[in-house]
Full PDB file with SEQRES, HELIX, SHEET, SSBOND, CRYST1, ORIGX, SCALE, CONECT and MASTER records, all heavy atoms in Angstrom:
SEQRES   1 A   32  ALA THR PRO ASP GLY LEU TRP GLY PHE ASP GLY SER GLN          
SEQRES   2 A   32  SER MET ASP GLN VAL HIS ALA GLU ILE GLY LYS LEU ASP          
SEQRES   3 A   32  PRO LYS THR MET LEU ILE                                      
HELIX    1 AA1 MET A   15  ILE A   22  1                                   8    
HELIX    2 AA2 PRO A   27  THR A   29  5                                   3    
CRYST1    1.000    1.000    1.000  90.00  90.00  90.00 P 1           1          
ORIGX1      1.000000  0.000000  0.000000        0.00000                         
ORIGX2      0.000000  1.000000  0.000000        0.00000                         
ORIGX3      0.000000  0.000000  1.000000        0.00000                         
SCALE1      1.000000  0.000000  0.000000        0.00000                         
SCALE2      0.000000  1.000000  0.000000        0.00000                         
SCALE3      0.000000  0.000000  1.000000        0.00000                         
ATOM      1  N   ALA A   1       0.909  -1.202   0.017  1.00  0.00           N  
ATOM      2  CA  ALA A   1      -0.029  -0.045  -0.006  1.00  0.00           C  
ATOM      3  C   ALA A   1       0.858   1.297   0.028  1.00  0.00           C  
ATOM      4  O   ALA A   1       1.821   1.383   0.813  1.00  0.00           O  
ATOM      5  CB  ALA A   1      -0.952   0.048   1.239  1.00  0.00           C  
ATOM      6  N   THR A   2       0.672   2.152  -0.849  1.00  0.00           N  
ATOM      7  CA  THR A   2       1.140   3.412  -0.849  1.00  0.00           C  
ATOM      8  C   THR A   2       0.122   4.550  -0.549  1.00  0.00           C  
ATOM      9  O   THR A   2      -1.085   4.192  -0.481  1.00  0.00           O  
ATOM     10  CB  THR A   2       1.742   3.782  -2.258  1.00  0.00           C  
ATOM     11  OG1 THR A   2       0.728   4.095  -3.166  1.00  0.00           O  
ATOM     12  CG2 THR A   2       2.655   2.576  -2.770  1.00  0.00           C  
ATOM     13  N   PRO A   3       0.477   5.822  -0.506  1.00  0.00           N  
ATOM     14  CA  PRO A   3      -0.641   6.760  -0.243  1.00  0.00           C  
ATOM     15  C   PRO A   3      -1.626   6.794  -1.403  1.00  0.00           C  
ATOM     16  O   PRO A   3      -2.725   7.305  -1.195  1.00  0.00           O  
ATOM     17  CB  PRO A   3       0.260   8.099  -0.379  1.00  0.00           C  
ATOM     18  CG  PRO A   3       1.477   7.731   0.285  1.00  0.00           C  
ATOM     19  CD  PRO A   3       1.816   6.382  -0.281  1.00  0.00           C  
ATOM     20  N   ASP A   4      -1.360   6.185  -2.537  1.00  0.00           N  
ATOM     21  CA  ASP A   4      -2.206   6.156  -3.711  1.00  0.00           C  
ATOM     22  C   ASP A   4      -3.245   4.990  -3.586  1.00  0.00           C  
ATOM     23  O   ASP A   4      -4.470   5.079  -4.026  1.00  0.00           O  
ATOM     24  CB  ASP A   4      -1.459   5.941  -4.960  1.00  0.00           C  
ATOM     25  CG  ASP A   4      -0.636   7.239  -5.240  1.00  0.00           C  
ATOM     26  OD1 ASP A   4      -1.165   8.354  -4.907  1.00  0.00           O  
ATOM     27  OD2 ASP A   4       0.503   7.050  -5.890  1.00  0.00           O  
ATOM     28  N   GLY A   5      -2.844   3.835  -3.151  1.00  0.00           N  
ATOM     29  CA  GLY A   5      -3.764   2.680  -3.222  1.00  0.00           C  
ATOM     30  C   GLY A   5      -3.103   1.415  -2.731  1.00  0.00           C  
ATOM     31  O   GLY A   5      -1.861   1.321  -2.218  1.00  0.00           O  
ATOM     32  N   LEU A   6      -3.726   0.215  -3.232  1.00  0.00           N  
ATOM     33  CA  LEU A   6      -3.229  -1.160  -2.889  1.00  0.00           C  
ATOM     34  C   LEU A   6      -2.892  -1.927  -4.180  1.00  0.00           C  
ATOM     35  O   LEU A   6      -3.629  -1.824  -5.218  1.00  0.00           O  
ATOM     36  CB  LEU A   6      -4.385  -1.878  -2.250  1.00  0.00           C  
ATOM     37  CG  LEU A   6      -4.218  -3.357  -1.874  1.00  0.00           C  
ATOM     38  CD1 LEU A   6      -3.208  -3.347  -0.757  1.00  0.00           C  
ATOM     39  CD2 LEU A   6      -5.480  -3.989  -1.427  1.00  0.00           C  
ATOM     40  N   TRP A   7      -1.761  -2.639  -4.009  1.00  0.00           N  
ATOM     41  CA  TRP A   7      -1.316  -3.568  -5.094  1.00  0.00           C  
ATOM     42  C   TRP A   7      -1.164  -4.999  -4.490  1.00  0.00           C  
ATOM     43  O   TRP A   7      -0.925  -5.118  -3.211  1.00  0.00           O  
ATOM     44  CB  TRP A   7      -0.022  -3.181  -5.655  1.00  0.00           C  
ATOM     45  CG  TRP A   7       0.030  -2.050  -6.623  1.00  0.00           C  
ATOM     46  CD1 TRP A   7      -0.001  -2.199  -8.017  1.00  0.00           C  
ATOM     47  CD2 TRP A   7      -0.156  -0.618  -6.363  1.00  0.00           C  
ATOM     48  NE1 TRP A   7       0.015  -1.033  -8.607  1.00  0.00           N  
ATOM     49  CE2 TRP A   7      -0.096  -0.020  -7.547  1.00  0.00           C  
ATOM     50  CE3 TRP A   7      -0.141   0.122  -5.214  1.00  0.00           C  
ATOM     51  CZ2 TRP A   7      -0.196   1.421  -7.654  1.00  0.00           C  
ATOM     52  CZ3 TRP A   7      -0.247   1.403  -5.252  1.00  0.00           C  
ATOM     53  CH2 TRP A   7      -0.239   2.133  -6.497  1.00  0.00           C  
ATOM     54  N   GLY A   8      -1.217  -6.070  -5.271  1.00  0.00           N  
ATOM     55  CA  GLY A   8      -0.994  -7.370  -4.759  1.00  0.00           C  
ATOM     56  C   GLY A   8       0.081  -8.165  -5.558  1.00  0.00           C  
ATOM     57  O   GLY A   8       0.223  -7.844  -6.809  1.00  0.00           O  
ATOM     58  N   PHE A   9       0.770  -9.009  -4.959  1.00  0.00           N  
ATOM     59  CA  PHE A   9       1.895  -9.700  -5.536  1.00  0.00           C  
ATOM     60  C   PHE A   9       1.899 -11.296  -5.161  1.00  0.00           C  
ATOM     61  O   PHE A   9       1.505 -11.625  -4.080  1.00  0.00           O  
ATOM     62  CB  PHE A   9       3.265  -9.110  -5.091  1.00  0.00           C  
ATOM     63  CG  PHE A   9       3.433  -7.693  -5.682  1.00  0.00           C  
ATOM     64  CD1 PHE A   9       3.025  -6.713  -4.956  1.00  0.00           C  
ATOM     65  CD2 PHE A   9       4.021  -7.458  -6.949  1.00  0.00           C  
ATOM     66  CE1 PHE A   9       3.144  -5.408  -5.461  1.00  0.00           C  
ATOM     67  CE2 PHE A   9       4.236  -6.247  -7.408  1.00  0.00           C  
ATOM     68  CZ  PHE A   9       3.728  -5.161  -6.561  1.00  0.00           C  
ATOM     69  N   ASP A  10       2.331 -12.074  -6.078  1.00  0.00           N  
ATOM     70  CA  ASP A  10       2.295 -13.525  -5.844  1.00  0.00           C  
ATOM     71  C   ASP A  10       3.160 -13.810  -4.622  1.00  0.00           C  
ATOM     72  O   ASP A  10       4.273 -13.449  -4.457  1.00  0.00           O  
ATOM     73  CB  ASP A  10       2.845 -14.188  -7.107  1.00  0.00           C  
ATOM     74  CG  ASP A  10       2.810 -15.650  -7.111  1.00  0.00           C  
ATOM     75  OD1 ASP A  10       2.513 -16.288  -5.980  1.00  0.00           O  
ATOM     76  OD2 ASP A  10       2.698 -16.332  -8.268  1.00  0.00           O  
ATOM     77  N   GLY A  11       2.553 -14.632  -3.729  1.00  0.00           N  
ATOM     78  CA  GLY A  11       3.253 -14.989  -2.530  1.00  0.00           C  
ATOM     79  C   GLY A  11       4.439 -15.996  -2.666  1.00  0.00           C  
ATOM     80  O   GLY A  11       5.164 -16.154  -1.737  1.00  0.00           O  
ATOM     81  N   SER A  12       4.592 -16.563  -3.847  1.00  0.00           N  
ATOM     82  CA  SER A  12       5.717 -17.408  -4.035  1.00  0.00           C  
ATOM     83  C   SER A  12       7.032 -16.666  -4.378  1.00  0.00           C  
ATOM     84  O   SER A  12       8.130 -17.276  -4.464  1.00  0.00           O  
ATOM     85  CB  SER A  12       5.434 -18.331  -5.356  1.00  0.00           C  
ATOM     86  OG  SER A  12       5.301 -17.586  -6.516  1.00  0.00           O  
ATOM     87  N   GLN A  13       6.911 -15.405  -4.641  1.00  0.00           N  
ATOM     88  CA  GLN A  13       8.148 -14.585  -4.838  1.00  0.00           C  
ATOM     89  C   GLN A  13       8.785 -14.340  -3.508  1.00  0.00           C  
ATOM     90  O   GLN A  13       8.342 -14.508  -2.407  1.00  0.00           O  
ATOM     91  CB  GLN A  13       7.734 -13.262  -5.319  1.00  0.00           C  
ATOM     92  CG  GLN A  13       7.091 -13.380  -6.797  1.00  0.00           C  
ATOM     93  CD  GLN A  13       6.772 -11.907  -7.248  1.00  0.00           C  
ATOM     94  OE1 GLN A  13       7.641 -11.310  -7.925  1.00  0.00           O  
ATOM     95  NE2 GLN A  13       5.536 -11.410  -7.019  1.00  0.00           N  
ATOM     96  N   SER A  14      10.180 -14.007  -3.546  1.00  0.00           N  
ATOM     97  CA  SER A  14      10.884 -13.620  -2.412  1.00  0.00           C  
ATOM     98  C   SER A  14      10.655 -12.198  -2.061  1.00  0.00           C  
ATOM     99  O   SER A  14      10.078 -11.424  -2.848  1.00  0.00           O  
ATOM    100  CB  SER A  14      12.396 -13.825  -2.732  1.00  0.00           C  
ATOM    101  OG  SER A  14      12.789 -12.843  -3.625  1.00  0.00           O  
ATOM    102  N   MET A  15      10.925 -11.913  -0.778  1.00  0.00           N  
ATOM    103  CA  MET A  15      10.606 -10.570  -0.380  1.00  0.00           C  
ATOM    104  C   MET A  15      11.455  -9.546  -1.154  1.00  0.00           C  
ATOM    105  O   MET A  15      11.119  -8.444  -1.483  1.00  0.00           O  
ATOM    106  CB  MET A  15      10.970 -10.362   1.089  1.00  0.00           C  
ATOM    107  CG  MET A  15      10.509  -8.996   1.730  1.00  0.00           C  
ATOM    108  SD  MET A  15      10.805  -9.036   3.633  1.00  0.00           S  
ATOM    109  CE  MET A  15       9.856 -10.366   4.237  1.00  0.00           C  
ATOM    110  N   ASP A  16      12.786  -9.914  -1.579  1.00  0.00           N  
ATOM    111  CA  ASP A  16      13.564  -9.156  -2.454  1.00  0.00           C  
ATOM    112  C   ASP A  16      12.962  -8.818  -3.664  1.00  0.00           C  
ATOM    113  O   ASP A  16      13.026  -7.666  -4.182  1.00  0.00           O  
ATOM    114  CB  ASP A  16      14.902  -9.755  -2.582  1.00  0.00           C  
ATOM    115  CG  ASP A  16      15.819  -9.676  -1.267  1.00  0.00           C  
ATOM    116  OD1 ASP A  16      15.472  -8.874  -0.290  1.00  0.00           O  
ATOM    117  OD2 ASP A  16      16.738 -10.513  -1.150  1.00  0.00           O  
ATOM    118  N   GLN A  17      12.313  -9.778  -4.247  1.00  0.00           N  
ATOM    119  CA  GLN A  17      11.716  -9.555  -5.523  1.00  0.00           C  
ATOM    120  C   GLN A  17      10.523  -8.566  -5.407  1.00  0.00           C  
ATOM    121  O   GLN A  17      10.423  -7.692  -6.253  1.00  0.00           O  
ATOM    122  CB  GLN A  17      11.128 -10.925  -6.121  1.00  0.00           C  
ATOM    123  CG  GLN A  17      12.214 -11.758  -6.556  1.00  0.00           C  
ATOM    124  CD  GLN A  17      11.748 -13.152  -7.056  1.00  0.00           C  
ATOM    125  OE1 GLN A  17      10.908 -13.790  -6.256  1.00  0.00           O  
ATOM    126  NE2 GLN A  17      12.154 -13.642  -8.220  1.00  0.00           N  
ATOM    127  N   VAL A  18       9.776  -8.750  -4.354  1.00  0.00           N  
ATOM    128  CA  VAL A  18       8.622  -7.762  -4.214  1.00  0.00           C  
ATOM    129  C   VAL A  18       9.160  -6.373  -3.852  1.00  0.00           C  
ATOM    130  O   VAL A  18       8.651  -5.283  -4.467  1.00  0.00           O  
ATOM    131  CB  VAL A  18       7.786  -8.191  -3.108  1.00  0.00           C  
ATOM    132  CG1 VAL A  18       6.552  -7.264  -2.797  1.00  0.00           C  
ATOM    133  CG2 VAL A  18       7.191  -9.656  -3.390  1.00  0.00           C  
ATOM    134  N   HIS A  19      10.209  -6.246  -3.095  1.00  0.00           N  
ATOM    135  CA  HIS A  19      10.831  -4.985  -2.764  1.00  0.00           C  
ATOM    136  C   HIS A  19      11.267  -4.266  -4.183  1.00  0.00           C  
ATOM    137  O   HIS A  19      10.964  -3.045  -4.310  1.00  0.00           O  
ATOM    138  CB  HIS A  19      12.045  -5.145  -1.898  1.00  0.00           C  
ATOM    139  CG  HIS A  19      11.712  -5.079  -0.380  1.00  0.00           C  
ATOM    140  ND1 HIS A  19      11.107  -4.001   0.218  1.00  0.00           N  
ATOM    141  CD2 HIS A  19      11.753  -5.976   0.492  1.00  0.00           C  
ATOM    142  CE1 HIS A  19      10.947  -4.239   1.506  1.00  0.00           C  
ATOM    143  NE2 HIS A  19      11.315  -5.459   1.696  1.00  0.00           N  
ATOM    144  N   ALA A  20      11.765  -5.086  -5.039  1.00  0.00           N  
ATOM    145  CA  ALA A  20      12.225  -4.458  -6.435  1.00  0.00           C  
ATOM    146  C   ALA A  20      11.016  -4.068  -7.122  1.00  0.00           C  
ATOM    147  O   ALA A  20      11.084  -3.024  -7.783  1.00  0.00           O  
ATOM    148  CB  ALA A  20      12.941  -5.526  -7.105  1.00  0.00           C  
ATOM    149  N   GLU A  21       9.887  -4.691  -7.021  1.00  0.00           N  
ATOM    150  CA  GLU A  21       8.647  -4.216  -7.706  1.00  0.00           C  
ATOM    151  C   GLU A  21       8.071  -3.034  -7.235  1.00  0.00           C  
ATOM    152  O   GLU A  21       7.400  -2.244  -7.858  1.00  0.00           O  
ATOM    153  CB  GLU A  21       7.585  -5.363  -7.695  1.00  0.00           C  
ATOM    154  CG  GLU A  21       7.963  -6.603  -8.399  1.00  0.00           C  
ATOM    155  CD  GLU A  21       8.050  -6.464  -9.992  1.00  0.00           C  
ATOM    156  OE1 GLU A  21       7.418  -5.445 -10.389  1.00  0.00           O  
ATOM    157  OE2 GLU A  21       8.586  -7.296 -10.665  1.00  0.00           O  
ATOM    158  N   ILE A  22       8.290  -2.705  -5.894  1.00  0.00           N  
ATOM    159  CA  ILE A  22       7.635  -1.605  -5.122  1.00  0.00           C  
ATOM    160  C   ILE A  22       8.203  -0.301  -5.866  1.00  0.00           C  
ATOM    161  O   ILE A  22       7.484   0.679  -5.971  1.00  0.00           O  
ATOM    162  CB  ILE A  22       8.003  -1.544  -3.653  1.00  0.00           C  
ATOM    163  CG1 ILE A  22       7.293  -2.663  -3.033  1.00  0.00           C  
ATOM    164  CG2 ILE A  22       7.616  -0.167  -3.056  1.00  0.00           C  
ATOM    165  CD1 ILE A  22       7.498  -2.955  -1.606  1.00  0.00           C  
ATOM    166  N   GLY A  23       9.445  -0.330  -6.347  1.00  0.00           N  
ATOM    167  CA  GLY A  23       9.967   0.840  -6.962  1.00  0.00           C  
ATOM    168  C   GLY A  23       9.421   1.197  -8.336  1.00  0.00           C  
ATOM    169  O   GLY A  23       9.683   2.350  -8.860  1.00  0.00           O  
ATOM    170  N   LYS A  24       8.647   0.379  -8.921  1.00  0.00           N  
ATOM    171  CA  LYS A  24       8.134   0.576 -10.223  1.00  0.00           C  
ATOM    172  C   LYS A  24       6.591   0.156 -10.372  1.00  0.00           C  
ATOM    173  O   LYS A  24       6.128  -0.476 -11.289  1.00  0.00           O  
ATOM    174  CB  LYS A  24       8.841  -0.175 -11.337  1.00  0.00           C  
ATOM    175  CG  LYS A  24       9.086  -1.664 -10.962  1.00  0.00           C  
ATOM    176  CD  LYS A  24      10.050  -2.367 -11.963  1.00  0.00           C  
ATOM    177  CE  LYS A  24      10.240  -3.775 -11.600  1.00  0.00           C  
ATOM    178  NZ  LYS A  24      11.161  -4.528 -12.604  1.00  0.00           N  
ATOM    179  N   LEU A  25       5.746   0.549  -9.395  1.00  0.00           N  
ATOM    180  CA  LEU A  25       4.391   0.120  -9.373  1.00  0.00           C  
ATOM    181  C   LEU A  25       3.662   0.885 -10.436  1.00  0.00           C  
ATOM    182  O   LEU A  25       3.890   2.055 -10.710  1.00  0.00           O  
ATOM    183  CB  LEU A  25       3.751   0.578  -8.031  1.00  0.00           C  
ATOM    184  CG  LEU A  25       4.220  -0.156  -6.698  1.00  0.00           C  
ATOM    185  CD1 LEU A  25       3.799   0.510  -5.526  1.00  0.00           C  
ATOM    186  CD2 LEU A  25       3.852  -1.616  -6.791  1.00  0.00           C  
ATOM    187  N   ASP A  26       2.830   0.054 -11.151  1.00  0.00           N  
ATOM    188  CA  ASP A  26       2.140   0.598 -12.227  1.00  0.00           C  
ATOM    189  C   ASP A  26       0.675   1.012 -11.786  1.00  0.00           C  
ATOM    190  O   ASP A  26      -0.072   0.098 -11.300  1.00  0.00           O  
ATOM    191  CB  ASP A  26       2.035  -0.539 -13.300  1.00  0.00           C  
ATOM    192  CG  ASP A  26       1.325  -0.029 -14.688  1.00  0.00           C  
ATOM    193  OD1 ASP A  26       0.729   1.063 -14.650  1.00  0.00           O  
ATOM    194  OD2 ASP A  26       1.379  -0.818 -15.650  1.00  0.00           O  
ATOM    195  N   PRO A  27       0.287   2.222 -12.065  1.00  0.00           N  
ATOM    196  CA  PRO A  27      -1.052   2.697 -11.609  1.00  0.00           C  
ATOM    197  C   PRO A  27      -2.053   1.891 -12.305  1.00  0.00           C  
ATOM    198  O   PRO A  27      -3.233   1.714 -11.620  1.00  0.00           O  
ATOM    199  CB  PRO A  27      -1.035   4.109 -11.959  1.00  0.00           C  
ATOM    200  CG  PRO A  27       0.300   4.554 -12.106  1.00  0.00           C  
ATOM    201  CD  PRO A  27       1.086   3.427 -12.494  1.00  0.00           C  
ATOM    202  N   LYS A  28      -1.870   1.275 -13.350  1.00  0.00           N  
ATOM    203  CA  LYS A  28      -2.984   0.451 -14.059  1.00  0.00           C  
ATOM    204  C   LYS A  28      -3.154  -0.826 -13.452  1.00  0.00           C  
ATOM    205  O   LYS A  28      -4.229  -1.391 -13.547  1.00  0.00           O  
ATOM    206  CB  LYS A  28      -2.417   0.171 -15.575  1.00  0.00           C  
ATOM    207  CG  LYS A  28      -2.388   1.451 -16.355  1.00  0.00           C  
ATOM    208  CD  LYS A  28      -1.940   1.158 -17.813  1.00  0.00           C  
ATOM    209  CE  LYS A  28      -1.884   2.325 -18.680  1.00  0.00           C  
ATOM    210  NZ  LYS A  28      -1.421   2.026 -20.033  1.00  0.00           N  
ATOM    211  N   THR A  29      -2.183  -1.409 -12.615  1.00  0.00           N  
ATOM    212  CA  THR A  29      -2.493  -2.583 -11.911  1.00  0.00           C  
ATOM    213  C   THR A  29      -2.810  -2.406 -10.444  1.00  0.00           C  
ATOM    214  O   THR A  29      -2.921  -3.492  -9.704  1.00  0.00           O  
ATOM    215  CB  THR A  29      -1.095  -3.464 -12.027  1.00  0.00           C  
ATOM    216  OG1 THR A  29       0.005  -2.823 -11.434  1.00  0.00           O  
ATOM    217  CG2 THR A  29      -0.732  -3.710 -13.469  1.00  0.00           C  
ATOM    218  N   MET A  30      -3.041  -1.185 -10.081  1.00  0.00           N  
ATOM    219  CA  MET A  30      -3.530  -0.958  -8.778  1.00  0.00           C  
ATOM    220  C   MET A  30      -4.840  -1.570  -8.562  1.00  0.00           C  
ATOM    221  O   MET A  30      -5.875  -1.480  -9.433  1.00  0.00           O  
ATOM    222  CB  MET A  30      -3.665   0.566  -8.456  1.00  0.00           C  
ATOM    223  CG  MET A  30      -4.036   1.004  -7.047  1.00  0.00           C  
ATOM    224  SD  MET A  30      -3.967   2.756  -6.815  1.00  0.00           S  
ATOM    225  CE  MET A  30      -5.348   3.179  -7.817  1.00  0.00           C  
ATOM    226  N   LEU A  31      -5.299  -2.191  -7.396  1.00  0.00           N  
ATOM    227  CA  LEU A  31      -6.507  -2.821  -7.124  1.00  0.00           C  
ATOM    228  C   LEU A  31      -7.547  -1.855  -6.759  1.00  0.00           C  
ATOM    229  O   LEU A  31      -8.717  -1.922  -7.247  1.00  0.00           O  
ATOM    230  CB  LEU A  31      -6.271  -3.963  -6.109  1.00  0.00           C  
ATOM    231  CG  LEU A  31      -5.473  -5.123  -6.575  1.00  0.00           C  
ATOM    232  CD1 LEU A  31      -5.038  -5.981  -5.376  1.00  0.00           C  
ATOM    233  CD2 LEU A  31      -6.287  -5.986  -7.609  1.00  0.00           C  
ATOM    234  N   ILE A  32      -7.266  -0.959  -5.842  1.00  0.00           N  
ATOM    235  CA  ILE A  32      -8.223   0.024  -5.331  1.00  0.00           C  
ATOM    236  C   ILE A  32      -7.420   1.240  -4.808  1.00  0.00           C  
ATOM    237  O   ILE A  32      -6.247   1.114  -4.303  1.00  0.00           O  
ATOM    238  CB  ILE A  32      -9.002  -0.589  -4.142  1.00  0.00           C  
ATOM    239  CG1 ILE A  32     -10.164   0.301  -3.751  1.00  0.00           C  
ATOM    240  CG2 ILE A  32      -8.115  -1.018  -2.950  1.00  0.00           C  
ATOM    241  CD1 ILE A  32     -11.263  -0.415  -2.908  1.00  0.00           C  
TER     242      ILE A  32                                                      
MASTER        0    0    0    2    0    0    0    6  241    1    0    3          
END                                                                             
């Protein structure tokens, strides 16, 4: 969650992989 909204990621990924994705969140894939 950022001040803009909520995103979801596959739980099979490592925490490092998800951290890397956080830096490039796509507004189009925001859930709410």
